[in-house]
Amino acid sequence: MLAVTEVSSTVVVVTWRGAGHVTACLDALAAQNRPHRTMVVDNASDDGTARLLAEHPSKPRVVRLSRNLGYAGAMAKAVSLVDTPLMAWLNDDAAPAPDWLGTLEDALGTAAAASARLDRPDGSPQSLGTRLTADGSGADALDEPVFGFCGGAALLRADVLRAIGGVPADFFCYYEDTDTAWRLRLAGHEIVAVPQARVTHRHGVSTRPGSRQFHLWNERNRLLTLLRCAPATVAARELARFAAITAALPLRREVPRAENFRLPLRFQVLAEVLVRLPATLRARRGIGRLATVPRGQVWRNWTPR
């Protein structure tokens, strides 16, 4: 009689118009040497992705949403549906090595999350996790230790994720991993980097890094993450600094050409942050009630001096 191998992880893949790349992701998951479940959350794709998912021989569980909720919204939906102890996050433009999941599971230990190594298609490293910069931005980390996990390829304890409030669904895209990692740190949990768990990542296939929408999500969600998680003085300082730079732009003779220095975008960021401020401050109080480590201590531990 064959022994039954317990499945510990559900790998969640979020896709939107992923017809050009999601098959390669599913092929790589089918080749994993560790048993698992695969769940694909389809953000109302209209490019034939649904047919590819239905026809894939690995027969993933497909959760098709009625509208595009972004990466954050789709992951938030998945948290309530995962029924294994562990939940892996994987971008649909990522192809993990066959031992990726097994390596993450074996390395997790007592930590709440483990971050894989993402490489670009040319083999150069992209990320081993995230770090915090002096202004509270989340940035790719290439060395250990890491502040947080990169949402492109990571493994989390599902019960711990639910206990700290899940995923910030209204972020839509970007900083949902930094915010989640920050809340894990505040709650006293460990996050480890696992460079042996390797993934090839075609970064930005869906979101076009450098575009107006990319900068809007990044700037807005950085400020929201700070308001939710950072020391009050840091959050207030960075919000005031963003507003001051915006106000000074018309007076500057030379302005960077990047989209995030365009006045309409910056006004939209400020407007969206202000509209969300009451709900964000309520969330901040809830995060504070769950914290076992002071916000200031997390900030001092993980930002450069």
Protein backbone atom coordinates (compact mmCIF):
# COMPACT_ATOMS: atom_id res chain seq x y z
CA MET A 1 0.00 0.00 0.00
CA LEU A 2 1.38 3.39 -1.01
CA ALA A 3 1.86 6.00 1.71
CA VAL A 4 -0.19 9.16 1.35
CA THR A 5 2.03 12.23 1.04
CA GLU A 6 0.59 15.20 2.90
CA VAL A 7 0.27 18.36 0.86
CA SER A 8 1.45 21.38 2.86
CA SER A 9 1.28 24.20 0.30
CA THR A 10 -1.11 25.83 -2.10
CA VAL A 11 0.68 27.84 -4.77
CA VAL A 12 -1.44 30.87 -5.71
CA VAL A 13 -0.84 32.38 -9.13
CA VAL A 14 -2.58 35.66 -9.96
CA THR A 15 -3.03 36.35 -13.65
CA TRP A 16 -4.45 39.09 -15.81
CA ARG A 17 -4.24 38.79 -19.58
CA GLY A 18 -1.57 36.17 -19.05
CA ALA A 19 -2.09 34.19 -22.25
CA GLY A 20 1.46 34.89 -23.38
CA HIS A 21 3.20 33.56 -20.30
CA VAL A 22 0.95 31.78 -17.78
CA THR A 23 1.39 28.40 -19.49
CA ALA A 24 5.14 28.47 -18.82
CA CYS A 25 4.42 29.23 -15.17
CA LEU A 26 2.00 26.31 -14.87
CA ASP A 27 4.41 23.99 -16.69
CA ALA A 28 7.10 24.86 -14.14
CA LEU A 29 4.70 24.23 -11.25
CA ALA A 30 3.72 20.87 -12.73
CA ALA A 31 7.42 19.93 -12.69
CA GLN A 32 7.87 20.65 -8.95
CA ASN A 33 9.34 17.78 -6.96
CA ARG A 34 7.18 18.55 -3.91
CA PRO A 35 3.43 17.77 -3.90
CA HIS A 36 1.23 20.85 -3.77
CA ARG A 37 -2.04 22.37 -4.91
CA THR A 38 -2.20 25.06 -7.54
CA MET A 39 -4.78 27.84 -7.47
CA VAL A 40 -4.96 30.41 -10.26
CA VAL A 41 -6.90 33.60 -9.59
CA ASP A 42 -7.87 35.07 -12.95
CA ASN A 43 -8.52 38.81 -12.79
CA ALA A 44 -11.25 38.77 -15.48
CA SER A 45 -8.78 38.20 -18.33
CA ASP A 46 -10.22 38.76 -21.80
CA ASP A 47 -7.34 37.45 -23.94
CA GLY A 48 -7.92 33.69 -23.96
CA THR A 49 -6.28 33.06 -20.59
CA ALA A 50 -9.40 31.26 -19.31
CA ARG A 51 -9.21 28.71 -22.11
CA LEU A 52 -5.51 28.05 -21.48
CA LEU A 53 -6.15 27.50 -17.80
CA ALA A 54 -9.03 25.10 -18.50
CA GLU A 55 -6.95 23.10 -20.95
CA HIS A 56 -3.71 22.89 -18.97
CA PRO A 57 -2.90 19.25 -18.13
CA SER A 58 -2.09 20.08 -14.49
CA LYS A 59 -5.77 21.01 -13.94
CA PRO A 60 -5.21 23.92 -11.53
CA ARG A 61 -8.08 25.19 -9.44
CA VAL A 62 -9.23 28.36 -11.20
CA VAL A 63 -10.96 31.20 -9.38
CA ARG A 64 -12.24 33.60 -12.02
CA LEU A 65 -13.10 37.07 -10.75
CA SER A 66 -15.78 39.21 -12.33
CA ARG A 67 -13.46 42.22 -12.51
CA ASN A 68 -9.78 42.99 -12.22
CA LEU A 69 -8.91 43.43 -8.53
CA GLY A 70 -5.17 43.65 -9.13
CA TYR A 71 -2.52 41.47 -7.54
CA ALA A 72 -3.37 42.61 -4.02
CA GLY A 73 -7.11 42.15 -4.41
CA ALA A 74 -6.75 38.72 -5.96
CA MET A 75 -4.33 37.55 -3.26
CA ALA A 76 -6.73 38.83 -0.60
CA LYS A 77 -9.48 36.69 -2.15
CA ALA A 78 -7.19 33.66 -2.23
CA VAL A 79 -6.28 33.90 1.48
CA SER A 80 -9.80 32.88 2.47
CA LEU A 81 -9.83 29.97 0.00
CA VAL A 82 -6.51 28.31 0.81
CA ASP A 83 -7.00 25.27 3.05
CA THR A 84 -3.37 24.12 3.41
CA PRO A 85 -1.04 25.31 6.20
CA LEU A 86 1.22 27.14 3.74
CA MET A 87 0.42 29.55 0.91
CA ALA A 88 2.91 30.37 -1.81
CA TRP A 89 2.69 33.58 -3.84
CA LEU A 90 3.90 33.32 -7.43
CA ASN A 91 3.72 35.80 -10.30
CA ASP A 92 2.25 34.47 -13.53
CA ASP A 93 5.37 35.58 -15.44
CA ALA A 94 7.63 33.53 -13.17
CA ALA A 95 8.99 30.02 -13.78
CA PRO A 96 10.33 28.31 -10.64
CA ALA A 97 13.05 25.66 -10.69
CA PRO A 98 11.78 22.11 -9.95
CA ASP A 99 13.00 22.20 -6.35
CA TRP A 100 11.72 25.73 -5.65
CA LEU A 101 8.75 24.87 -3.46
CA GLY A 102 10.46 22.01 -1.63
CA THR A 103 13.44 24.22 -0.86
CA LEU A 104 11.18 26.94 0.56
CA GLU A 105 9.20 24.48 2.67
CA ASP A 106 12.37 22.91 4.09
CA ALA A 107 13.94 26.30 4.87
CA LEU A 108 10.89 27.93 6.47
CA GLY A 109 11.58 26.56 9.94
CA THR A 110 9.77 28.68 12.54
CA ALA A 111 9.58 31.75 10.30
CA ALA A 112 6.29 33.16 9.05
CA ALA A 113 7.52 33.74 5.51
CA ALA A 114 10.34 32.69 3.20
CA SER A 115 11.40 34.68 0.15
CA ALA A 116 12.84 33.02 -2.94
CA ARG A 117 15.54 34.30 -5.28
CA LEU A 118 14.18 35.88 -8.46
CA ASP A 119 16.49 36.06 -11.47
CA ARG A 120 15.95 37.91 -14.72
CA PRO A 121 15.79 35.83 -17.91
CA ASP A 122 19.47 36.62 -18.58
CA GLY A 123 20.38 35.04 -15.23
CA SER A 124 21.17 38.26 -13.38
CA PRO A 125 19.66 38.56 -9.88
CA GLN A 126 16.56 40.68 -9.42
CA SER A 127 15.51 40.09 -5.83
CA LEU A 128 16.11 37.99 -2.76
CA GLY A 129 13.44 39.83 -0.81
CA THR A 130 12.81 43.43 0.15
CA ARG A 131 14.68 46.04 2.18
CA LEU A 132 13.61 49.41 3.56
CA THR A 133 15.28 52.60 2.41
CA ALA A 134 15.76 55.70 4.55
CA ASP A 135 12.48 57.21 3.31
CA GLY A 136 10.50 54.02 3.92
CA SER A 137 10.43 52.77 0.36
CA GLY A 138 10.45 49.06 -0.27
CA ALA A 139 13.29 48.05 -2.57
CA ASP A 140 14.70 44.82 -3.90
CA ALA A 141 17.28 43.25 -1.61
CA LEU A 142 20.14 41.21 -3.03
CA ASP A 143 21.79 40.32 0.27
CA GLU A 144 20.70 38.74 3.53
CA PRO A 145 19.12 39.43 5.92
CA VAL A 146 15.99 40.78 4.26
CA PHE A 147 13.29 42.94 5.80
CA GLY A 148 10.51 41.29 3.85
CA PHE A 149 9.61 38.85 1.13
CA CYS A 150 9.16 39.64 -2.54
CA GLY A 151 5.57 38.92 -3.53
CA GLY A 152 6.71 37.53 -6.87
CA ALA A 153 7.79 34.24 -5.28
CA ALA A 154 7.42 33.52 -1.57
CA LEU A 155 5.97 31.08 0.95
CA LEU A 156 3.85 32.17 3.92
CA ARG A 157 2.09 30.52 6.83
CA ALA A 158 -1.59 30.92 5.98
CA ASP A 159 -2.83 31.11 9.58
CA VAL A 160 -0.29 33.79 10.48
CA LEU A 161 -1.20 35.79 7.39
CA ARG A 162 -4.86 35.70 8.37
CA ALA A 163 -4.03 36.60 11.99
CA ILE A 164 -2.28 39.83 10.98
CA GLY A 165 -5.16 40.93 8.73
CA GLY A 166 -4.42 39.27 5.41
CA VAL A 167 -3.46 41.25 2.30
CA PRO A 168 -4.34 44.97 1.80
CA ALA A 169 -6.78 44.37 -1.07
CA ASP A 170 -7.34 48.04 -1.92
CA PHE A 171 -3.65 48.54 -2.79
CA PHE A 172 -4.50 46.88 -6.14
CA CYS A 173 -0.87 46.41 -7.11
CA TYR A 174 2.57 47.00 -5.51
CA TYR A 175 3.58 47.31 -1.85
CA GLU A 176 1.14 44.61 -0.76
CA ASP A 177 4.20 42.47 0.02
CA THR A 178 6.07 45.24 1.86
CA ASP A 179 3.00 46.13 3.91
CA THR A 180 2.38 42.46 4.76
CA ALA A 181 6.02 41.91 5.71
CA TRP A 182 5.98 45.04 7.87
CA ARG A 183 2.93 43.77 9.77
CA LEU A 184 4.62 40.41 10.24
CA ARG A 185 7.66 42.17 11.71
CA LEU A 186 5.46 44.26 14.02
CA ALA A 187 3.76 41.08 15.20
CA GLY A 188 7.15 39.60 16.10
CA HIS A 189 7.52 37.13 13.23
CA GLU A 190 10.63 36.19 11.33
CA ILE A 191 11.09 36.36 7.55
CA VAL A 192 13.91 34.43 5.90
CA ALA A 193 15.54 34.62 2.50
CA VAL A 194 16.17 31.35 0.67
CA PRO A 195 18.61 32.00 -2.21
CA GLN A 196 18.63 28.31 -3.14
CA ALA A 197 14.94 28.54 -4.12
CA ARG A 198 15.31 30.01 -7.59
CA VAL A 199 12.79 31.49 -9.98
CA THR A 200 13.21 33.01 -13.44
CA HIS A 201 11.06 36.14 -13.62
CA ARG A 202 9.99 38.17 -16.66
CA HIS A 203 9.49 41.27 -14.54
CA GLY A 204 6.76 43.73 -15.48
CA VAL A 205 5.09 41.81 -18.31
CA SER A 206 1.64 42.93 -17.13
CA THR A 207 2.28 46.21 -15.34
CA ARG A 208 4.76 48.10 -17.54
CA PRO A 209 7.30 49.48 -15.02
CA GLY A 210 7.86 53.18 -15.57
CA SER A 211 4.33 53.82 -16.80
CA ARG A 212 2.02 56.38 -15.24
CA GLN A 213 -0.09 53.69 -13.58
CA PHE A 214 3.02 51.99 -12.20
CA HIS A 215 4.18 55.21 -10.53
CA LEU A 216 0.70 56.01 -9.26
CA TRP A 217 0.41 52.67 -7.47
CA ASN A 218 3.97 52.87 -6.13
CA GLU A 219 3.78 56.40 -4.77
CA ARG A 220 0.29 56.01 -3.30
CA ASN A 221 0.91 52.61 -1.74
CA ARG A 222 4.26 53.64 -0.26
CA LEU A 223 2.53 56.45 1.61
CA LEU A 224 -0.36 54.20 2.65
CA THR A 225 2.07 51.56 3.94
CA LEU A 226 3.90 54.18 5.99
CA LEU A 227 0.65 55.52 7.41
CA ARG A 228 -0.39 52.00 8.37
CA CYS A 229 2.88 50.60 9.66
CA ALA A 230 5.65 53.16 10.27
CA PRO A 231 6.26 55.33 13.34
CA ALA A 232 3.88 58.31 13.29
CA THR A 233 6.71 60.81 12.91
CA VAL A 234 8.07 58.97 9.87
CA ALA A 235 4.65 58.67 8.22
CA ALA A 236 3.87 62.36 8.79
CA ARG A 237 7.33 63.42 7.59
CA GLU A 238 7.12 61.46 4.35
CA LEU A 239 3.58 62.58 3.57
CA ALA A 240 4.59 66.21 4.21
CA ARG A 241 7.73 65.78 2.09
CA PHE A 242 5.73 64.37 -0.81
CA ALA A 243 3.33 67.32 -0.59
CA ALA A 244 6.16 69.86 -0.32
CA ILE A 245 8.00 68.48 -3.36
CA THR A 246 4.72 68.57 -5.28
CA ALA A 247 4.09 72.19 -4.33
CA ALA A 248 7.65 73.20 -5.29
CA LEU A 249 7.69 71.56 -8.72
CA PRO A 250 6.17 74.53 -10.60
CA LEU A 251 8.97 76.73 -9.18
CA ARG A 252 11.83 74.47 -10.28
CA ARG A 253 13.74 75.26 -13.45
CA GLU A 254 14.58 71.62 -14.06
CA VAL A 255 12.20 68.78 -13.26
CA PRO A 256 13.01 65.08 -13.68
CA ARG A 257 11.27 63.56 -16.67
CA ALA A 258 9.98 60.52 -14.77
CA GLU A 259 6.21 60.14 -14.54
CA ASN A 260 6.24 60.37 -10.75
CA PHE A 261 7.32 64.02 -11.05
CA ARG A 262 4.30 64.99 -13.16
CA LEU A 263 1.98 67.29 -11.24
CA PRO A 264 -1.30 65.60 -12.26
CA LEU A 265 -0.03 62.24 -11.02
CA ARG A 266 1.21 63.66 -7.73
CA PHE A 267 -2.07 65.51 -7.16
CA GLN A 268 -3.91 62.24 -7.80
CA VAL A 269 -1.68 60.42 -5.31
CA LEU A 270 -2.35 63.01 -2.63
CA ALA A 271 -6.09 63.00 -3.35
CA GLU A 272 -6.31 59.20 -3.14
CA VAL A 273 -4.30 59.09 0.08
CA LEU A 274 -6.48 61.80 1.68
CA VAL A 275 -9.70 60.05 0.66
CA ARG A 276 -8.42 56.83 2.23
CA LEU A 277 -6.97 58.50 5.31
CA PRO A 278 -9.81 57.73 7.78
CA ALA A 279 -9.85 54.03 6.83
CA THR A 280 -6.05 53.93 6.83
CA LEU A 281 -5.84 55.36 10.34
CA ARG A 282 -8.41 52.82 11.54
CA ALA A 283 -6.27 50.09 10.00
CA ARG A 284 -3.22 51.58 11.73
CA ARG A 285 -4.91 51.28 15.11
CA GLY A 286 -5.80 47.66 14.39
CA ILE A 287 -2.23 46.88 13.36
CA GLY A 288 -1.00 48.53 16.54
CA ARG A 289 -3.24 46.34 18.69
CA LEU A 290 -1.71 43.21 17.11
CA ALA A 291 1.88 44.44 17.41
CA THR A 292 4.30 42.92 19.88
CA VAL A 293 7.31 44.92 18.65
CA PRO A 294 7.26 48.75 18.81
CA ARG A 295 7.05 50.52 15.45
CA GLY A 296 10.15 52.50 16.27
CA GLN A 297 12.16 49.38 16.96
CA VAL A 298 11.21 47.81 13.62
CA TRP A 299 12.12 51.08 11.89
CA ARG A 300 15.51 51.31 13.61
CA ASN A 301 16.28 47.66 12.98
CA TRP A 302 15.62 47.75 9.25
CA THR A 303 16.37 51.20 7.87
CA PRO A 304 19.89 52.49 7.10
CA ARG A 305 21.43 54.84 9.63
